[in-house]
């Protein structure tokens, strides 16, 4: 046997029931793990002989690995395991790996017909980055793989997987997938979803703000936007830097309607979940709970709290990561209640990655309603394009992609039609305020406008939006330009990757 295994250090209170006799001869396993410097989310590698690999423990505890984001640690930790197993099958440790070994491993991972789970270029480049970090830390020279070398990177790598739905297609997905409607738009008798308002509110908030799953999924109740813009249709709030990829706080905008839906969820579904949890005494039994005593205002708001042991603490709101936020509680009329916005049916904070399951269930629900049984038996990856086009498919990040698309087209329409700007006017306007690409980049929180163009809007980068929107203008002077649904419908017909009702086969028949 040459198979390696990896286990992950649990969060506090998530160790489960440990044997009184100890685990692997250790009486206090959580305490022992803390004493050797491991943190929640760190990987621990088990060699084929069943022993913990001490060499990898040193790497995991090093500054090189320790300073990575927890999600990156999870990805890297997962990537290392198959490489270690591959090298063990050759009787090698990772320190003995050569460029030829990594070349053979890459062939197996990406190209070998015998491998039923081959990966693409983008995944290989991510793995190569993880391997490069390990080999550089271990001073393995010559480097078996170096992601900075052109030959060690995949040529077929793509920047991002873009998934767009037009506004009315999102409505279809919401109604069928989350509200339990049938093909005719009527709620199915007996449909019951105790989290329908939570789920639909989250989707609407992401669609109107462009927030990432972790950003929108980690908000606290007092972080909902409350400041109205001058026209009153949008609100703006502050997004904590600890929740963003760039680690920089930014202003985000959300429509009044979407925030209103979230507030309705807070007053109904969320309140009921909290009430049930309080009646069961659930919150008092939590291993970690910090009672918020004060939230300051100003340029750098700070949260102050006291924990179960009476220890007082404080931290800037922008520096609180999503795991710490789950420990924060406010004093409600009937006792403590989570400050975390999105709660499970049990009344506990819902981890951001659990939204993947909500979207997966909604996608399956759409397939159940819009596809016949014979079409559903074929895995989505192997379905004909005609079959895939019958049912909308969305992920949490699809909302962000769709927001970017909507804003780009809307801003172009405003600049070119509503304001009646000439080319010279648009050039002057762009110098003062930035063009639509720059504005969308700012809304998404990207550091570089090229990132916005390359990652989010690649499917329409070849199109001249001026021509698309010019075609929407009516011939009669004084009439309004075509509605946005018409613009999106034309764009969906001419561009790969955009889902729209008009191109979903027999959806409403």
Protein backbone atom coordinates (compact mmCIF):
# COMPACT_ATOMS: atom_id res chain seq x y z
CA UNK A 1 0.00 0.00 0.00
CA UNK A 2 1.30 3.46 -0.93
CA UNK A 3 -1.78 5.54 -0.14
CA UNK A 4 -1.37 8.65 2.02
CA UNK A 5 -4.24 10.17 3.99
CA UNK A 6 -4.93 13.65 5.32
CA UNK A 7 -7.03 14.78 8.29
CA UNK A 8 -7.88 18.32 9.29
CA UNK A 9 -7.61 20.01 12.67
CA UNK A 10 -11.20 20.81 13.78
CA UNK A 11 -12.45 24.16 15.02
CA UNK A 12 -12.87 24.60 18.80
CA UNK A 13 -15.91 22.66 19.97
CA UNK A 14 -15.99 20.52 16.79
CA UNK A 15 -13.84 17.63 18.02
CA UNK A 16 -16.84 15.49 18.86
CA UNK A 17 -16.77 12.91 21.62
CA UNK A 18 -13.21 11.79 22.41
CA UNK A 19 -12.43 8.52 24.15
CA UNK A 20 -11.63 8.77 27.86
CA UNK A 21 -8.63 6.53 27.22
CA UNK A 22 -7.30 9.05 24.73
CA UNK A 23 -6.64 8.92 20.99
CA UNK A 24 -3.45 7.31 19.68
CA UNK A 25 -2.18 7.27 23.25
CA UNK A 26 -2.82 11.00 23.78
CA UNK A 27 -5.16 11.87 26.65
CA UNK A 28 -5.88 15.49 25.67
CA UNK A 29 -5.68 15.48 21.88
CA UNK A 30 -6.99 19.06 21.33
CA UNK A 31 -4.50 20.38 23.88
CA UNK A 32 -1.62 18.38 22.36
CA UNK A 33 -2.46 19.69 18.88
CA UNK A 34 -2.44 23.27 20.19
CA UNK A 35 0.86 22.79 22.02
CA UNK A 36 2.71 21.67 18.90
CA UNK A 37 1.49 24.75 17.02
CA UNK A 38 -1.25 23.41 14.77
CA UNK A 39 -4.28 25.59 14.09
CA UNK A 40 -7.89 24.83 13.12
CA UNK A 41 -8.02 23.93 9.43
CA UNK A 42 -4.40 22.73 9.28
CA UNK A 43 -3.80 19.39 7.49
CA UNK A 44 -2.08 16.44 9.18
CA UNK A 45 -0.64 13.81 6.84
CA UNK A 46 -0.72 10.10 7.62
CA UNK A 47 1.92 7.98 5.88
CA UNK A 48 1.05 4.58 4.34
CA UNK A 49 2.42 2.94 7.50
CA UNK A 50 -0.23 4.74 9.57
CA UNK A 51 2.14 7.19 11.26
CA UNK A 52 1.92 10.99 11.22
CA UNK A 53 4.58 12.47 8.95
CA UNK A 54 6.68 14.80 11.10
CA UNK A 55 8.41 16.37 8.11
CA UNK A 56 5.10 17.65 6.77
CA UNK A 57 4.12 18.83 10.24
CA UNK A 58 7.13 21.16 10.14
CA UNK A 59 6.02 22.47 6.74
CA UNK A 60 2.44 23.05 7.92
CA UNK A 61 3.70 24.96 10.97
CA UNK A 62 6.15 27.05 8.93
CA UNK A 63 5.48 30.69 8.07
CA UNK A 64 5.30 29.70 4.40
CA UNK A 65 2.15 27.64 4.98
CA UNK A 66 0.80 29.24 8.14
CA UNK A 67 0.22 32.63 6.50
CA UNK A 68 -2.03 31.17 3.79
CA UNK A 69 -5.77 31.70 3.92
CA UNK A 70 -7.66 28.75 5.38
CA UNK A 71 -9.38 27.97 2.08
CA UNK A 72 -5.99 28.00 0.34
CA UNK A 73 -4.63 25.65 3.01
CA UNK A 74 -7.52 23.31 2.29
CA UNK A 75 -6.84 23.38 -1.44
CA UNK A 76 -3.09 22.96 -1.10
CA UNK A 77 -3.50 20.25 1.53
CA UNK A 78 -5.79 18.32 -0.81
CA UNK A 79 -3.35 18.73 -3.71
CA UNK A 80 -0.38 17.31 -1.82
CA UNK A 81 -1.99 13.99 -0.91
CA UNK A 82 -2.16 12.39 -4.42
CA UNK A 83 1.40 13.55 -5.16
CA UNK A 84 2.68 11.93 -1.97
CA UNK A 85 0.87 8.69 -2.84
CA UNK A 86 2.33 8.76 -6.37
CA UNK A 87 5.87 9.23 -5.08
CA UNK A 88 5.38 6.51 -2.44
CA UNK A 89 4.37 4.08 -5.17
CA UNK A 90 7.88 4.65 -6.54
CA UNK A 91 9.48 4.22 -3.16
CA UNK A 92 10.33 7.91 -2.91
CA UNK A 93 9.82 10.64 -0.33
CA UNK A 94 8.86 14.08 -1.56
CA UNK A 95 12.38 15.33 -0.82
CA UNK A 96 13.72 12.75 -3.29
CA UNK A 97 11.45 13.84 -6.14
CA UNK A 98 13.12 14.80 -9.43
CA UNK A 99 11.88 16.86 -12.40
CA UNK A 100 11.30 13.58 -14.24
CA UNK A 101 9.09 12.31 -11.42
CA UNK A 102 6.98 15.47 -11.55
CA UNK A 103 6.82 15.28 -15.34
CA UNK A 104 5.48 11.72 -15.05
CA UNK A 105 3.02 12.80 -12.38
CA UNK A 106 1.78 15.66 -14.55
CA UNK A 107 1.27 13.28 -17.46
CA UNK A 108 -0.79 10.99 -15.22
CA UNK A 109 -2.85 13.82 -13.81
CA UNK A 110 -3.56 15.62 -17.08
CA UNK A 111 -3.08 13.35 -20.09
CA UNK A 112 -2.92 9.61 -19.33
CA UNK A 113 -5.90 7.81 -20.92
CA UNK A 114 -5.70 5.25 -18.10
CA UNK A 115 -6.59 7.95 -15.55
CA UNK A 116 -10.40 8.25 -15.32
CA UNK A 117 -10.13 11.52 -13.35
CA UNK A 118 -7.83 13.68 -15.42
CA UNK A 119 -7.66 17.40 -14.62
CA UNK A 120 -7.47 20.46 -16.85
CA UNK A 121 -4.80 23.09 -17.25
CA UNK A 122 -6.24 25.51 -14.71
CA UNK A 123 -6.30 22.85 -11.99
CA UNK A 124 -2.76 21.74 -12.85
CA UNK A 125 -1.42 25.29 -12.54
CA UNK A 126 -2.96 25.55 -9.08
CA UNK A 127 -1.39 22.26 -8.05
CA UNK A 128 1.96 23.31 -9.52
CA UNK A 129 1.85 26.47 -7.38
CA UNK A 130 1.27 24.34 -4.27
CA UNK A 131 4.12 21.96 -5.17
CA UNK A 132 6.48 24.83 -5.91
CA UNK A 133 5.87 26.30 -2.48
CA UNK A 134 6.59 22.94 -0.82
CA UNK A 135 9.79 22.21 -2.75
CA UNK A 136 11.16 25.72 -2.23
CA UNK A 137 10.55 25.46 1.51
CA UNK A 138 12.25 22.05 1.61
CA UNK A 139 15.20 23.36 -0.48
CA UNK A 140 14.78 20.58 -3.03
CA UNK A 141 17.02 21.59 -5.94
CA UNK A 142 16.80 21.52 -8.83
CA UNK A 143 13.13 22.30 -8.30
CA UNK A 144 11.09 19.32 -9.55
CA UNK A 145 8.40 21.77 -10.68
CA UNK A 146 8.34 25.55 -10.76
CA UNK A 147 5.12 27.31 -11.64
CA UNK A 148 7.12 30.36 -12.75
CA UNK A 149 8.69 28.31 -15.55
CA UNK A 150 6.69 28.42 -18.74
CA UNK A 151 7.21 24.72 -19.48
CA UNK A 152 5.78 23.78 -16.08
CA UNK A 153 2.53 25.64 -16.71
CA UNK A 154 -0.37 24.32 -18.76
CA UNK A 155 -1.11 25.98 -22.07
CA UNK A 156 -4.82 25.15 -21.91
CA UNK A 157 -5.46 27.07 -18.69
CA UNK A 158 -8.49 29.37 -18.69
CA UNK A 159 -8.86 32.39 -16.44
CA UNK A 160 -12.23 31.57 -14.93
CA UNK A 161 -15.43 29.63 -15.35
CA UNK A 162 -18.03 32.22 -16.21
CA UNK A 163 -21.70 31.44 -15.61
CA UNK A 164 -24.24 34.10 -16.47
CA UNK A 165 -27.99 34.17 -16.29
CA UNK A 166 -30.09 37.07 -17.53
CA UNK A 167 -32.44 38.74 -15.00
CA UNK A 168 -35.59 36.98 -16.20
CA UNK A 169 -33.79 33.62 -16.25
CA UNK A 170 -32.81 34.19 -12.63
CA UNK A 171 -36.51 34.74 -11.92
CA UNK A 172 -37.28 31.37 -13.53
CA UNK A 173 -34.53 29.65 -11.49
CA UNK A 174 -35.74 31.27 -8.26
CA UNK A 175 -39.39 30.41 -8.85
CA UNK A 176 -38.84 26.77 -9.75
CA UNK A 177 -35.72 25.98 -7.74
CA UNK A 178 -36.37 27.85 -4.49
CA UNK A 179 -40.10 28.63 -4.47
CA UNK A 180 -41.38 25.28 -5.71
CA UNK A 181 -43.28 26.51 -8.77
CA UNK A 182 -44.17 24.26 -11.69
CA UNK A 183 -43.65 24.95 -15.40
CA UNK A 184 -46.71 27.21 -15.52
CA UNK A 185 -45.46 29.36 -12.63
CA UNK A 186 -47.88 28.06 -10.00
CA UNK A 187 -46.71 26.81 -6.61
CA UNK A 188 -46.88 23.01 -6.42
CA UNK A 189 -49.47 21.77 -3.88
CA UNK A 190 -47.76 20.53 -0.75
CA UNK A 191 -44.53 22.41 -1.44
CA UNK A 192 -42.80 23.18 1.84
CA UNK A 193 -39.52 24.96 2.32
CA UNK A 194 -38.81 26.29 5.76
CA UNK A 195 -35.85 28.28 4.44
CA UNK A 196 -37.40 29.68 1.26
CA UNK A 197 -37.23 33.30 2.38
CA UNK A 198 -33.63 32.96 3.56
CA UNK A 199 -32.51 31.37 0.31
CA UNK A 200 -34.29 33.75 -2.03
CA UNK A 201 -33.16 36.77 0.00
CA UNK A 202 -29.53 35.69 -0.20
CA UNK A 203 -29.70 35.22 -3.98
CA UNK A 204 -31.38 38.59 -4.52
CA UNK A 205 -28.79 40.33 -2.33
CA UNK A 206 -25.88 38.76 -4.24
CA UNK A 207 -27.50 39.57 -7.59
CA UNK A 208 -27.94 43.24 -6.73
CA UNK A 209 -24.54 43.70 -5.05
CA UNK A 210 -22.05 41.40 -6.79
CA UNK A 211 -20.78 40.07 -3.45
CA UNK A 212 -18.87 36.80 -3.39
CA UNK A 213 -20.33 33.82 -1.55
CA UNK A 214 -18.08 34.33 1.47
CA UNK A 215 -18.61 38.11 1.48
CA UNK A 216 -22.40 37.98 1.35
CA UNK A 217 -22.61 34.83 3.43
CA UNK A 218 -20.60 36.26 6.35
CA UNK A 219 -22.49 39.49 6.98
CA UNK A 220 -23.64 40.43 10.47
CA UNK A 221 -27.11 41.82 11.03
CA UNK A 222 -25.80 45.30 11.75
CA UNK A 223 -23.75 45.33 8.53
CA UNK A 224 -26.74 45.45 6.20
CA UNK A 225 -26.58 48.66 4.16
CA UNK A 226 -28.75 51.47 5.50
CA UNK A 227 -27.44 54.61 3.77
CA UNK A 228 -29.53 55.53 0.74
CA UNK A 229 -28.07 57.03 -2.39
CA UNK A 230 -29.59 60.32 -3.48
CA UNK A 231 -32.15 58.77 -5.82
CA UNK A 232 -33.19 56.25 -3.19
CA UNK A 233 -33.09 53.04 -5.27
CA UNK A 234 -29.82 51.73 -3.83
CA UNK A 235 -28.29 51.51 -0.38
CA UNK A 236 -24.60 51.35 0.42
CA UNK A 237 -22.74 49.66 3.22
CA UNK A 238 -19.19 48.78 4.22
CA UNK A 239 -17.74 45.34 3.56
CA UNK A 240 -15.09 44.19 6.05
CA UNK A 241 -11.64 43.66 4.58
CA UNK A 242 -11.23 40.31 6.37
CA UNK A 243 -14.02 38.88 4.21
CA UNK A 244 -12.53 39.95 0.86
CA UNK A 245 -9.78 38.37 -1.20
CA UNK A 246 -7.77 41.57 -1.29
CA UNK A 247 -8.18 42.05 2.50
CA UNK A 248 -9.20 45.63 1.81
CA UNK A 249 -12.52 47.01 3.05
CA UNK A 250 -14.77 48.45 0.36
CA UNK A 251 -18.16 50.05 -0.09
CA UNK A 252 -20.80 47.81 -1.62
CA UNK A 253 -24.20 48.69 -3.04
CA UNK A 254 -27.47 46.76 -2.90
CA UNK A 255 -30.93 47.59 -4.17
CA UNK A 256 -33.58 48.75 -1.74
CA UNK A 257 -35.78 45.83 -2.79
CA UNK A 258 -33.14 43.20 -2.06
CA UNK A 259 -32.34 44.69 1.35
CA UNK A 260 -36.06 44.83 2.09
CA UNK A 261 -36.35 41.10 1.37
CA UNK A 262 -33.46 40.40 3.73
CA UNK A 263 -35.13 42.47 6.44
CA UNK A 264 -38.35 40.49 5.93
CA UNK A 265 -36.35 37.28 6.40
CA UNK A 266 -34.84 38.67 9.60
CA UNK A 267 -38.27 39.45 11.03
CA UNK A 268 -39.85 36.11 10.09
CA UNK A 269 -37.90 32.92 9.31
CA UNK A 270 -34.79 34.02 11.17
CA UNK A 271 -36.74 35.17 14.23
CA UNK A 272 -38.59 31.84 14.40
CA UNK A 273 -35.34 29.85 14.16
CA UNK A 274 -33.85 31.91 17.00
CA UNK A 275 -36.95 31.44 19.14
CA UNK A 276 -36.81 27.65 18.73
CA UNK A 277 -33.08 27.61 19.56
CA UNK A 278 -33.63 29.71 22.67
CA UNK A 279 -36.45 27.44 23.86
CA UNK A 280 -34.10 24.45 23.59
CA UNK A 281 -31.27 26.30 25.37
CA UNK A 282 -29.06 25.70 22.36
CA UNK A 283 -26.99 28.86 22.60
CA UNK A 284 -26.03 28.33 26.24
CA UNK A 285 -24.45 24.99 25.29
CA UNK A 286 -22.17 26.39 22.57
CA UNK A 287 -18.43 25.89 23.26
CA UNK A 288 -17.62 29.48 22.23
CA UNK A 289 -19.96 32.47 22.58
CA UNK A 290 -19.02 36.13 22.71
CA UNK A 291 -21.69 38.52 23.90
CA UNK A 292 -21.37 41.83 22.06
CA UNK A 293 -21.43 44.73 24.50
CA UNK A 294 -20.75 47.59 22.11
CA UNK A 295 -20.22 48.40 18.43
CA UNK A 296 -18.44 51.70 17.93
CA UNK A 297 -18.86 53.95 14.90
CA UNK A 298 -16.46 56.08 12.91
CA UNK A 299 -13.81 55.33 10.29
CA UNK A 300 -12.75 52.11 12.03
CA UNK A 301 -15.76 50.57 13.81
CA UNK A 302 -14.85 48.22 16.64
CA UNK A 303 -16.76 45.35 18.22
CA UNK A 304 -16.43 44.84 21.98
CA UNK A 305 -17.53 41.64 23.72
CA UNK A 306 -17.34 39.46 26.81
CA UNK A 307 -17.09 35.65 26.58
CA UNK A 308 -18.57 32.91 28.78
CA UNK A 309 -15.64 33.13 31.19
CA UNK A 310 -16.03 36.88 31.63
CA UNK A 311 -12.97 37.70 29.51
CA UNK A 312 -13.37 41.05 27.74
CA UNK A 313 -12.20 41.42 24.15
CA UNK A 314 -12.40 43.83 21.23
CA UNK A 315 -11.46 43.94 17.56
CA UNK A 316 -11.95 46.19 14.57
CA UNK A 317 -14.97 45.06 12.58
CA UNK A 318 -12.95 45.02 9.35
CA UNK A 319 -10.48 42.54 10.89
CA UNK A 320 -13.02 39.97 12.04
CA UNK A 321 -12.86 36.86 9.86
CA UNK A 322 -15.93 34.76 9.13
CA UNK A 323 -15.18 32.14 11.79
CA UNK A 324 -14.84 34.71 14.57
CA UNK A 325 -18.07 36.32 13.44
CA UNK A 326 -19.95 33.10 14.12
CA UNK A 327 -19.09 33.45 17.83
CA UNK A 328 -20.68 36.92 18.15
CA UNK A 329 -24.08 37.18 19.86
CA UNK A 330 -26.38 40.12 20.57
CA UNK A 331 -28.74 40.47 23.50
CA UNK A 332 -32.26 40.06 22.15
CA UNK A 333 -35.61 40.53 23.89
CA UNK A 334 -35.67 36.83 24.89
CA UNK A 335 -31.98 36.20 25.40
CA UNK A 336 -28.83 35.94 23.29
CA UNK A 337 -29.16 35.60 19.54
CA UNK A 338 -26.52 35.32 16.81
CA UNK A 339 -25.20 38.47 15.20
CA UNK A 340 -24.58 36.32 12.11
CA UNK A 341 -27.19 37.16 9.49
CA UNK A 342 -27.86 33.82 7.78
CA UNK A 343 -28.99 31.02 10.10
CA UNK A 344 -29.78 27.33 9.69
CA UNK A 345 -33.18 25.90 10.60
CA UNK A 346 -31.70 25.12 14.02
CA UNK A 347 -30.90 28.80 14.56
CA UNK A 348 -27.12 28.42 14.23
CA UNK A 349 -24.82 30.42 11.91
CA UNK A 350 -24.78 28.95 8.43
CA UNK A 351 -21.23 28.49 7.11
CA UNK A 352 -20.69 30.23 3.73
CA UNK A 353 -19.80 27.03 1.88
CA UNK A 354 -23.21 25.55 2.74
CA UNK A 355 -24.73 27.83 0.11
CA UNK A 356 -23.28 25.46 -2.48
CA UNK A 357 -25.77 22.84 -1.29
CA UNK A 358 -28.69 25.27 -1.55
CA UNK A 359 -27.82 26.05 -5.17
CA UNK A 360 -27.23 22.38 -5.97
CA UNK A 361 -30.67 21.46 -4.66
CA UNK A 362 -32.30 24.27 -6.66
CA UNK A 363 -30.55 23.11 -9.84
CA UNK A 364 -31.83 19.58 -9.32
CA UNK A 365 -35.30 20.92 -8.68
CA UNK A 366 -35.20 22.82 -12.01
CA UNK A 367 -34.08 19.66 -13.79
CA UNK A 368 -36.88 17.67 -12.16
CA UNK A 369 -39.49 20.12 -13.40
CA UNK A 370 -38.09 21.04 -16.82
CA UNK A 371 -36.48 17.78 -18.01
CA UNK A 372 -38.06 14.43 -18.73
CA UNK A 373 -36.84 11.40 -16.78
CA UNK A 374 -34.75 10.09 -19.66
CA UNK A 375 -32.88 13.41 -19.90
CA UNK A 376 -32.22 13.52 -16.16
CA UNK A 377 -30.58 10.10 -16.10
CA UNK A 378 -27.65 11.45 -18.16
CA UNK A 379 -25.03 13.33 -16.10
CA UNK A 380 -25.03 17.06 -16.81
CA UNK A 381 -21.48 16.97 -18.23
CA UNK A 382 -22.55 14.49 -20.93
CA UNK A 383 -25.90 15.98 -21.91
CA UNK A 384 -26.42 17.43 -25.34
CA UNK A 385 -26.42 21.22 -25.52
CA UNK A 386 -30.12 21.12 -26.40
CA UNK A 387 -30.90 19.26 -23.18
CA UNK A 388 -28.68 21.48 -21.03
CA UNK A 389 -30.43 24.50 -22.49
CA UNK A 390 -33.81 23.40 -21.17
CA UNK A 391 -32.95 23.95 -17.52
CA UNK A 392 -31.16 26.97 -15.95
CA UNK A 393 -28.09 26.15 -13.87
CA UNK A 394 -26.57 28.48 -11.28
CA UNK A 395 -23.84 28.58 -8.63
CA UNK A 396 -23.28 31.15 -5.86
CA UNK A 397 -20.67 32.83 -8.06
CA UNK A 398 -23.12 33.02 -10.97
CA UNK A 399 -24.80 35.89 -9.15
CA UNK A 400 -21.54 37.84 -9.15
CA UNK A 401 -20.93 37.10 -12.83
CA UNK A 402 -24.48 38.12 -13.71
CA UNK A 403 -24.17 41.33 -11.70
CA UNK A 404 -21.01 42.23 -13.64
CA UNK A 405 -22.69 41.57 -16.98
CA UNK A 406 -25.81 43.54 -16.05
CA UNK A 407 -23.84 46.54 -14.81
CA UNK A 408 -21.54 46.61 -17.84
CA UNK A 409 -24.44 46.65 -20.29
CA UNK A 410 -26.51 49.04 -18.21
CA UNK A 411 -23.64 51.52 -17.86
CA UNK A 412 -22.91 51.38 -21.58
CA UNK A 413 -26.58 51.97 -22.30
CA UNK A 414 -26.66 54.92 -19.94
CA UNK A 415 -23.47 56.48 -21.24
CA UNK A 416 -24.31 56.08 -24.91
CA UNK A 417 -28.06 56.55 -25.02
CA UNK A 418 -29.55 58.12 -21.92
CA UNK A 419 -26.90 60.84 -21.74
CA UNK A 420 -26.55 61.26 -25.49
CA UNK A 421 -22.76 61.53 -25.22
CA UNK A 422 -20.60 61.89 -28.30
CA UNK A 423 -17.32 59.95 -28.57
CA UNK A 424 -15.47 63.04 -27.40
CA UNK A 425 -17.89 63.45 -24.49
CA UNK A 426 -17.42 59.81 -23.49
CA UNK A 427 -13.65 60.23 -23.58
CA UNK A 428 -13.85 63.25 -21.28
CA UNK A 429 -16.33 61.48 -19.00
CA UNK A 430 -14.05 58.43 -18.76
CA UNK A 431 -11.09 60.63 -17.83
CA UNK A 432 -13.10 62.18 -15.01
CA UNK A 433 -15.06 59.21 -13.67
CA UNK A 434 -13.77 56.12 -15.47
CA UNK A 435 -15.41 54.06 -18.24
CA UNK A 436 -17.96 51.28 -17.56
CA UNK A 437 -15.18 48.67 -17.23
CA UNK A 438 -13.52 50.71 -14.50
CA UNK A 439 -16.79 51.25 -12.65
CA UNK A 440 -17.64 47.53 -12.73
CA UNK A 441 -14.11 46.75 -11.55
CA UNK A 442 -14.67 49.08 -8.57
CA UNK A 443 -18.03 47.50 -7.72
CA UNK A 444 -16.49 44.01 -7.81
CA UNK A 445 -13.54 45.03 -5.67
CA UNK A 446 -10.86 44.10 -8.21
CA UNK A 447 -7.43 45.69 -7.92
CA UNK A 448 -6.94 45.90 -11.71
CA UNK A 449 -9.45 46.59 -14.46
CA UNK A 450 -7.74 43.96 -16.62
CA UNK A 451 -8.80 41.35 -14.09
CA UNK A 452 -12.41 42.38 -14.64
CA UNK A 453 -12.08 42.10 -18.40
CA UNK A 454 -10.16 38.84 -18.37
CA UNK A 455 -11.98 36.89 -15.68
CA UNK A 456 -15.59 38.05 -15.78
CA UNK A 457 -16.41 39.39 -19.18
CA UNK A 458 -14.38 37.20 -21.52
CA UNK A 459 -17.40 35.73 -23.38
CA UNK A 460 -18.43 39.17 -24.65
CA UNK A 461 -15.00 40.79 -24.91
CA UNK A 462 -15.08 40.19 -28.67
CA UNK A 463 -18.36 42.04 -29.07
CA UNK A 464 -18.65 45.74 -29.73
CA UNK A 465 -21.26 46.73 -27.17
CA UNK A 466 -21.74 50.03 -28.96
CA UNK A 467 -23.09 48.11 -31.95
CA UNK A 468 -25.30 45.88 -29.84
CA UNK A 469 -26.84 48.78 -28.01
CA UNK A 470 -27.09 50.93 -31.10
CA UNK A 471 -29.30 48.24 -32.62
CA UNK A 472 -31.66 48.59 -29.69
CA UNK A 473 -32.46 52.20 -30.50
CA UNK A 474 -35.77 52.75 -32.23
CA UNK A 475 -35.96 54.58 -35.53
CA UNK A 476 -38.49 57.10 -34.34
CA UNK A 477 -36.88 60.06 -32.67
CA UNK A 478 -37.87 60.62 -29.08
CA UNK A 479 -38.73 57.00 -28.25
CA UNK A 480 -36.96 55.13 -25.49
CA UNK A 481 -34.31 52.58 -26.25
CA UNK A 482 -35.27 48.92 -26.09
CA UNK A 483 -35.86 47.44 -22.67
CA UNK A 484 -32.95 45.62 -21.07
CA UNK A 485 -34.64 42.22 -21.50
CA UNK A 486 -34.42 42.71 -25.25
CA UNK A 487 -30.75 43.64 -25.09
CA UNK A 488 -29.97 40.60 -22.95
CA UNK A 489 -31.95 38.30 -25.23
CA UNK A 490 -29.95 39.42 -28.26
CA UNK A 491 -26.68 39.11 -26.37
CA UNK A 492 -27.59 35.58 -25.23
CA UNK A 493 -28.35 34.51 -28.80
CA UNK A 494 -25.02 35.81 -30.08
CA UNK A 495 -22.76 34.77 -27.19
CA UNK A 496 -21.81 31.42 -25.70
CA UNK A 497 -22.37 30.91 -21.97
CA UNK A 498 -25.28 33.26 -21.24
CA UNK A 499 -28.51 31.59 -20.16
CA UNK A 500 -31.73 33.32 -21.17
CA UNK A 501 -35.34 32.18 -21.28
CA UNK A 502 -35.59 32.68 -25.06
CA UNK A 503 -32.86 30.11 -25.62
CA UNK A 504 -34.12 27.61 -23.03
CA UNK A 505 -35.90 25.05 -25.17
CA UNK A 506 -39.60 24.53 -24.37
CA UNK A 507 -39.29 26.01 -20.88
CA UNK A 508 -42.70 27.60 -20.76
CA UNK A 509 -44.57 25.24 -23.08
